Protein backbone atom coordinates (compact mmCIF):
# COMPACT_ATOMS: atom_id res chain seq x y z
CA MET A 1 -6.20 -8.12 19.32
CA SER A 2 -9.04 -6.09 17.83
CA GLU A 3 -8.79 -5.45 14.09
CA ASN A 4 -8.84 -1.71 14.86
CA TRP A 5 -5.63 -2.06 16.88
CA ARG A 6 -3.61 -3.84 14.21
CA ARG A 7 -0.52 -1.79 13.39
CA LYS A 8 -0.37 -0.20 9.97
CA CYS A 9 2.61 1.42 8.27
CA SER A 10 4.02 2.33 4.90
CA LEU A 11 7.62 3.37 4.15
CA VAL A 12 8.47 4.79 0.73
CA VAL A 13 11.64 6.37 -0.67
CA VAL A 14 11.38 8.70 -3.65
CA ASP A 15 14.02 9.66 -6.21
CA GLU A 16 14.61 13.07 -7.79
CA GLU A 17 12.21 12.27 -10.63
CA GLY A 18 9.38 11.43 -8.24
CA ASN A 19 9.55 7.64 -8.63
CA GLY A 20 8.74 5.83 -5.40
CA LEU A 21 10.04 2.55 -4.00
CA ASP A 22 7.92 0.83 -1.33
CA LEU A 23 9.97 -0.68 1.52
CA SER A 24 7.01 -1.43 3.79
CA ALA A 25 7.40 -5.21 3.67
CA LEU A 26 10.90 -5.09 5.16
CA LYS A 27 11.85 -4.99 8.81
CA PHE A 28 12.70 -1.43 9.83
CA THR A 29 12.85 0.77 12.89
CA PHE A 30 12.30 4.51 13.14
CA SER A 31 12.85 7.35 15.56
CA ILE A 32 11.32 10.79 14.93
CA THR A 33 11.50 13.97 17.02
CA TRP A 34 9.17 16.96 16.66
CA GLN A 35 9.34 20.05 18.88
CA ASP A 36 7.37 23.28 19.09
CA THR A 37 10.25 25.31 17.65
CA LYS A 38 11.28 26.58 14.23
CA TYR A 39 13.52 23.54 13.75
CA PRO A 40 12.09 20.83 11.45
CA LYS A 41 11.23 17.26 12.36
CA LYS A 42 14.22 14.93 12.43
CA ALA A 43 14.09 11.20 11.73
CA GLU A 44 16.32 8.16 11.64
CA PHE A 45 15.34 4.93 9.90
CA LYS A 46 17.15 1.60 10.06
CA ILE A 47 16.06 -0.75 7.27
CA PHE A 48 17.17 -4.38 7.35
CA ASN A 49 18.19 -6.85 4.65
CA LEU A 50 17.70 -4.71 1.57
CA SER A 51 18.82 -6.06 -1.77
CA SER A 52 22.36 -4.99 -2.64
CA ASP A 53 21.02 -2.94 -5.57
CA VAL A 54 18.61 -0.90 -3.42
CA ALA A 55 21.15 -0.55 -0.60
CA ASN A 56 23.71 0.81 -3.06
CA LYS A 57 21.21 3.28 -4.52
CA LEU A 58 20.39 4.57 -1.04
CA THR A 59 24.00 5.00 0.03
CA ARG A 60 24.89 6.63 -3.30
CA GLY A 61 22.19 9.24 -2.73
CA GLU A 62 19.91 8.23 -5.60
CA PHE A 63 16.83 8.66 -3.41
CA ALA A 64 15.97 12.16 -2.19
CA GLN A 65 12.85 11.79 -0.04
CA ILE A 66 11.48 9.35 2.53
CA GLN A 67 7.87 9.14 3.70
CA LEU A 68 6.37 7.22 6.62
CA LEU A 69 2.69 6.53 7.20
CA ALA A 70 2.03 4.93 10.56
CA GLY A 71 -0.68 4.24 13.10
CA TYR A 72 -3.32 1.57 13.47
CA GLN A 73 -5.86 -0.03 11.18
CA ASP A 74 -8.56 2.59 11.82
CA ASN A 75 -6.23 5.54 12.36
CA ALA A 76 -3.09 5.78 10.23
CA SER A 77 -1.72 8.70 8.25
CA LEU A 78 1.50 10.43 7.21
CA ILE A 79 3.71 11.24 10.21
CA PHE A 80 6.93 12.07 8.38
CA SER A 81 7.85 13.28 4.90
CA GLY A 82 11.37 14.60 4.64
CA GLU A 83 14.59 14.92 2.70
CA ILE A 84 17.26 12.26 3.04
CA ILE A 85 20.39 13.87 4.45
CA PHE A 86 22.67 10.91 5.02
CA SER A 87 22.67 7.14 4.43
CA ILE A 88 25.15 4.48 5.54
CA ASP A 89 25.11 0.68 5.35
CA GLY A 90 26.30 -1.83 7.92
CA ARG A 91 25.90 -5.30 9.33
CA ASP A 92 24.33 -6.35 12.63
CA ASN A 93 25.55 -9.93 12.50
CA ALA A 94 26.56 -12.65 10.07
CA THR A 95 23.15 -12.69 8.39
CA ASP A 96 21.53 -9.27 8.90
CA THR A 97 22.56 -6.15 6.99
CA PHE A 98 21.03 -2.71 7.27
CA VAL A 99 20.97 0.80 5.85
CA THR A 100 20.56 3.72 8.25
CA ILE A 101 18.91 6.85 6.85
CA GLN A 102 18.87 10.25 8.53
CA ALA A 103 16.26 12.70 7.25
CA SER A 104 14.73 16.08 8.01
CA GLU A 105 11.48 17.70 6.92
CA ASN A 106 12.08 20.53 4.43
CA ASP A 107 15.75 20.62 5.32
CA LYS A 108 16.84 22.46 2.16
CA ALA A 109 14.27 25.22 2.63
CA PHE A 110 15.29 25.68 6.26
CA CYS A 111 19.04 25.65 5.65
CA TYR A 112 19.41 27.39 2.30
CA ALA A 113 16.37 29.55 1.44
CA THR A 114 17.13 33.26 1.16
CA VAL A 115 15.00 36.32 0.46
CA ASN A 116 15.95 39.50 -1.38
CA THR A 117 13.12 41.93 -2.08
CA THR A 118 11.77 45.36 -1.17
CA LEU A 119 8.22 46.16 -0.13
CA ALA A 120 6.81 49.54 -1.09
CA ALA A 121 5.39 52.01 1.42
CA GLY A 122 1.97 50.91 2.60
CA TYR A 123 2.90 47.25 3.09
CA SER A 124 1.36 45.14 5.86
CA LYS A 125 2.52 42.06 7.78
CA THR A 126 0.46 40.00 5.36
CA ASP A 127 2.59 41.41 2.53
CA VAL A 128 5.71 40.43 4.45
CA PHE A 129 4.45 36.87 4.77
CA GLN A 130 3.54 36.71 1.09
CA ALA A 131 7.09 37.79 0.19
CA LEU A 132 8.57 35.17 2.50
CA LEU A 133 6.28 32.48 1.13
CA LYS A 134 7.30 33.36 -2.42
CA ALA A 135 10.95 32.87 -1.43
CA VAL A 136 10.36 29.19 -0.58
CA ARG A 137 7.87 28.17 -3.26
CA ASN A 138 10.72 26.74 -5.34
CA PHE A 139 11.37 24.32 -2.46
CA GLY A 140 7.80 23.00 -2.78
CA ILE A 141 6.51 24.94 0.24
CA THR A 142 2.90 26.17 0.43
CA ALA A 143 0.96 28.04 3.13
CA GLY A 144 -0.36 26.03 6.06
CA LEU A 145 -1.98 27.36 9.22
CA ILE A 146 -1.40 31.11 9.26
CA PRO A 147 -2.94 33.58 11.75
CA GLU A 148 -4.72 36.74 10.72
CA LEU A 149 -1.71 39.02 10.39
CA GLY A 150 -3.58 42.31 10.17
CA ASP A 151 -3.78 44.98 7.50
CA ILE A 152 -2.07 47.89 9.28
CA LYS A 153 -0.16 49.84 6.62
CA MET A 154 3.44 50.88 7.23
CA PRO A 155 4.35 54.44 6.12
CA ARG A 156 7.79 53.55 4.71
CA GLY A 157 9.11 50.86 2.41
CA LYS A 158 10.92 47.81 3.76
CA PRO A 159 13.91 45.92 2.32
CA ILE A 160 13.93 42.21 3.18
CA TYR A 161 17.32 40.59 2.69
CA GLY A 162 19.01 37.59 4.21
CA MET A 163 18.24 34.05 5.34
CA HIS A 164 14.59 33.15 5.08
CA ARG A 165 14.52 31.58 8.54
CA ASP A 166 15.85 34.78 10.13
CA GLU A 167 13.15 36.88 8.47
CA MET A 168 10.51 34.38 9.61
CA ASP A 169 11.87 34.74 13.15
CA ARG A 170 11.30 38.50 12.95
CA LEU A 171 7.76 38.16 11.60
CA ALA A 172 6.89 35.55 14.22
CA SER A 173 8.23 37.77 16.99
CA GLN A 174 6.20 40.74 15.74
CA THR A 175 3.01 38.66 15.63
CA HIS A 176 3.65 36.75 18.90
CA SER A 177 3.76 33.45 17.05
CA THR A 178 5.97 30.44 16.50
CA TRP A 179 6.69 29.09 13.03
CA GLN A 180 7.84 25.86 11.43
CA PHE A 181 7.91 23.92 8.16
CA VAL A 182 5.49 21.01 8.51
CA ASN A 183 4.97 18.49 5.71
CA ASN A 184 5.86 20.91 2.89
CA THR A 185 3.88 23.79 4.38
CA ILE A 186 4.93 26.80 6.40
CA GLN A 187 2.91 27.23 9.58
CA MET A 188 2.64 30.03 12.11
CA ARG A 189 0.94 29.37 15.42
CA PRO A 190 -0.05 32.17 17.81
CA GLU A 191 1.65 31.67 21.16
CA ASN A 192 -0.31 29.81 23.85
CA THR A 193 -2.85 28.37 21.43
CA HIS A 194 -4.14 24.86 21.06
CA SER A 195 -6.42 22.73 18.95
CA THR A 196 -10.09 22.80 19.88
CA ASP A 197 -10.31 19.05 19.33
CA ILE A 198 -9.69 17.25 22.62
CA ILE A 199 -8.01 13.84 22.43
CA VAL A 200 -8.86 11.78 25.50
CA LEU A 201 -6.05 9.48 26.57
CA ASN A 202 -6.61 6.56 28.91
CA ASN A 203 -5.80 2.87 28.95
CA GLN A 204 -8.66 2.23 26.52
CA THR A 205 -7.47 4.82 23.96
CA GLY A 206 -3.75 4.09 23.82
CA LEU A 207 -2.20 5.49 27.02
CA ILE A 208 0.74 3.38 28.19
CA GLY A 209 1.41 3.26 31.93
CA MET A 210 0.94 6.35 34.09
CA PRO A 211 1.79 9.95 33.11
CA GLN A 212 4.64 11.50 35.07
CA GLN A 213 4.08 15.00 36.42
CA THR A 214 6.99 17.39 35.82
CA ILE A 215 8.16 20.01 38.31
CA ASP A 216 6.56 22.84 36.32
CA GLY A 217 3.12 21.27 36.36
CA GLY A 218 3.24 19.56 33.00
CA VAL A 219 3.20 15.84 32.30
CA ASN A 220 5.33 13.40 30.35
CA LEU A 221 3.54 10.35 29.02
CA GLN A 222 3.71 7.50 26.55
CA CYS A 223 0.96 6.32 24.23
CA LEU A 224 0.47 4.22 21.13
CA ILE A 225 1.16 6.03 17.86
CA ASN A 226 -1.79 8.30 17.11
CA PRO A 227 -1.42 10.52 14.01
CA ASN A 228 -4.15 12.82 15.34
CA ILE A 229 -1.78 14.00 18.07
CA VAL A 230 0.41 16.79 16.71
CA ILE A 231 2.24 19.77 18.18
CA ASN A 232 -0.26 21.98 20.05
CA SER A 233 -2.83 19.21 20.22
CA LEU A 234 -4.96 19.27 23.35
CA ILE A 235 -5.08 16.01 25.28
CA ARG A 236 -7.26 15.19 28.29
CA LEU A 237 -6.05 13.02 31.16
CA ASP A 238 -7.40 11.89 34.49
CA ASN A 239 -5.04 13.78 36.82
CA SER A 240 -5.48 11.14 39.50
CA SER A 241 -3.60 8.74 37.21
CA ALA A 242 -0.42 10.85 37.12
CA TYR A 243 2.59 10.17 39.30
CA LYS A 244 3.04 13.33 41.38
CA THR A 245 6.37 15.11 41.60
CA THR A 246 7.72 14.79 45.14
CA SER A 247 10.90 15.65 46.97
CA SER A 248 12.52 13.34 49.48
CA THR A 249 12.79 14.83 52.95
CA GLY A 250 14.87 12.10 54.52
CA ASN A 251 18.17 13.01 56.15
CA ILE A 252 17.76 16.78 55.76
CA ASN A 253 17.10 19.49 58.30
CA ALA A 254 13.66 20.87 59.12
CA ASP A 255 14.04 24.08 57.06
CA SER A 256 15.13 22.14 53.97
CA ALA A 257 12.27 19.68 54.43
CA LYS A 258 9.76 22.52 54.69
CA GLU A 259 11.12 24.16 51.54
CA ALA A 260 11.02 20.86 49.63
CA ASN A 261 7.42 20.23 50.67
CA GLN A 262 6.43 23.75 49.60
CA GLN A 263 8.04 23.21 46.19
CA ALA A 264 6.27 19.89 45.72
CA LYS A 265 2.93 21.44 46.75
CA ALA A 266 3.43 24.33 44.32
CA ALA A 267 4.22 21.94 41.47
CA SER A 268 1.17 19.83 42.23
CA SER A 269 -1.10 22.87 42.28
CA THR A 270 -0.08 23.79 38.74
CA LEU A 271 -1.52 20.62 37.23
CA SER A 272 -4.29 21.44 34.79
CA LYS A 273 -7.47 21.39 36.88
CA ASP A 274 -9.56 20.00 34.04
CA GLY A 275 -6.89 17.51 32.94
CA ASP A 276 -6.25 19.30 29.65
CA TYR A 277 -2.65 19.59 28.42
CA ARG A 278 -1.00 21.04 25.34
CA VAL A 279 1.56 18.91 23.50
CA ILE A 280 4.90 20.69 22.96
CA ASN A 281 7.26 17.80 22.14
CA ILE A 282 6.70 14.46 20.39
CA SER A 283 9.10 11.53 19.98
CA TYR A 284 8.01 8.58 17.84
CA ARG A 285 9.61 5.12 18.16
CA GLY A 286 8.65 2.11 16.09
CA ASP A 287 9.85 -1.37 15.13
CA THR A 288 7.90 -3.28 12.48
CA ARG A 289 9.07 -6.62 13.88
CA GLY A 290 9.24 -5.67 17.55
CA ASN A 291 7.03 -4.29 20.30
CA GLU A 292 7.88 -0.59 20.01
CA TRP A 293 5.10 1.47 18.42
CA TYR A 294 4.97 4.44 20.76
CA MET A 295 4.84 8.20 21.07
CA ASP A 296 6.50 9.95 24.02
CA LEU A 297 4.78 13.28 24.70
CA VAL A 298 5.94 16.30 26.67
CA CYS A 299 2.91 18.37 27.66
CA ILE A 300 2.16 21.53 29.61
CA ALA A 301 -1.02 22.53 31.41
CA LYS A 302 -3.44 24.32 29.14
CA GLY A 303 -3.56 27.33 31.48
CA GLN A 304 -5.71 30.45 31.37
CA SER A 305 -3.99 32.09 28.39
CA ASP A 306 -4.88 29.44 25.82
CA ALA A 307 -8.00 31.24 24.65
CA ILE A 308 -7.27 31.31 20.90
CA ALA A 309 -7.87 27.95 19.26
CA LEU A 310 -6.23 26.77 16.10
CA ASN A 311 -9.53 26.46 14.27
CA LYS A 312 -9.61 30.29 14.41
CA VAL A 313 -6.30 30.44 12.58
CA ALA A 314 -7.16 30.58 8.91
CA SER A 315 -5.43 28.71 6.12
CA HIS A 316 -5.19 31.36 3.43
CA ASP A 317 -4.82 30.78 -0.29
CA TYR A 318 -1.71 32.91 -0.60
C-alpha cells in the first residue's frame, strides 16, 4: 500500500477542565451520521480493553468531550468533535471489555440554549443573527459560514424570546437557508448551494464499488474516508459507472410494464448530465483493527438552481 493511503486517526477525550486523554493506540470502532438538517452530528464509539481506571472515569461522566481525527496519511483532519451524552461498559467475551460512548456535536447548545432580548426599530436580519449568536457564545459557539443577510431596516421593534433553535428556524426560513451547529460554529447555508471545489471520485481516488442511482436521480455511493467531503460538497462521478434504477416488468400486464418503463426512463434522465452531485447525507464507519474505513454518501444531482457557491458566503467576524 502506498504511504499516502495509510490510515491515520486520533481519538481524544477531554474533561471539564480541558485536559485531554489520547486513546488512539487502542482498538476502537466508530459510527457517525451527518445530515443537511438543523440536527447536529451524532456519533457512537466503541473502545476496547481500556484500563479499569479510565473505563470508570468514562462511565462516571468525568470526560465531557470526544474528538476524532481520521483520514489517510496525506489527508486527515477533524471529522467529529462533540459532547459525550452517554457511556456504558460491557464485555464482548472472556478477554475483551469495551466502553461504548454516544456523543453529539454541540448538543447542549442545540437542546438548551434560549434567547430573550428585544431589538429596537430599525433592526435588520443581520442584527437578528447577532442576537442569536450572542445567545450561544457561552456554549463556545462562534460564527461559521453565514450568508449576506441584507441590511433592510424594519420599521418596528422585535422581541425575540424562546428556544434558540426555534428562532434560528425562523431566520433560516426568512433567508431561504438551512442552519446547523458544525464543530463549535453556527452555519447557515443558502438553499441549493454547493462548494465550488469539485472532488472527483473514482477507483483511483477512493470510490468503493459502483454508485447506485436512486429513483429521484441522485446517487448513493461508498468511498474511503475523505475529510474534504462535507455536507454540500460537490463531487464528480462518471455517470456510466452508476447502476441505473430499473423496474422489473416480468409477470405484469402491458399497461403496468409501460408505466414502469416510463418511470425508469424519467429517473435516468434526471442524473446530473455533467456527473456533478451535491452531498446531503454522510455516514462514517471505521474500525482501527478491521477493514472498515468508509463514508456512505447520499447525493443529489447538482441541478440548474445551484448557482450560488459557498465561497460567496462570507464568514463574518460577528
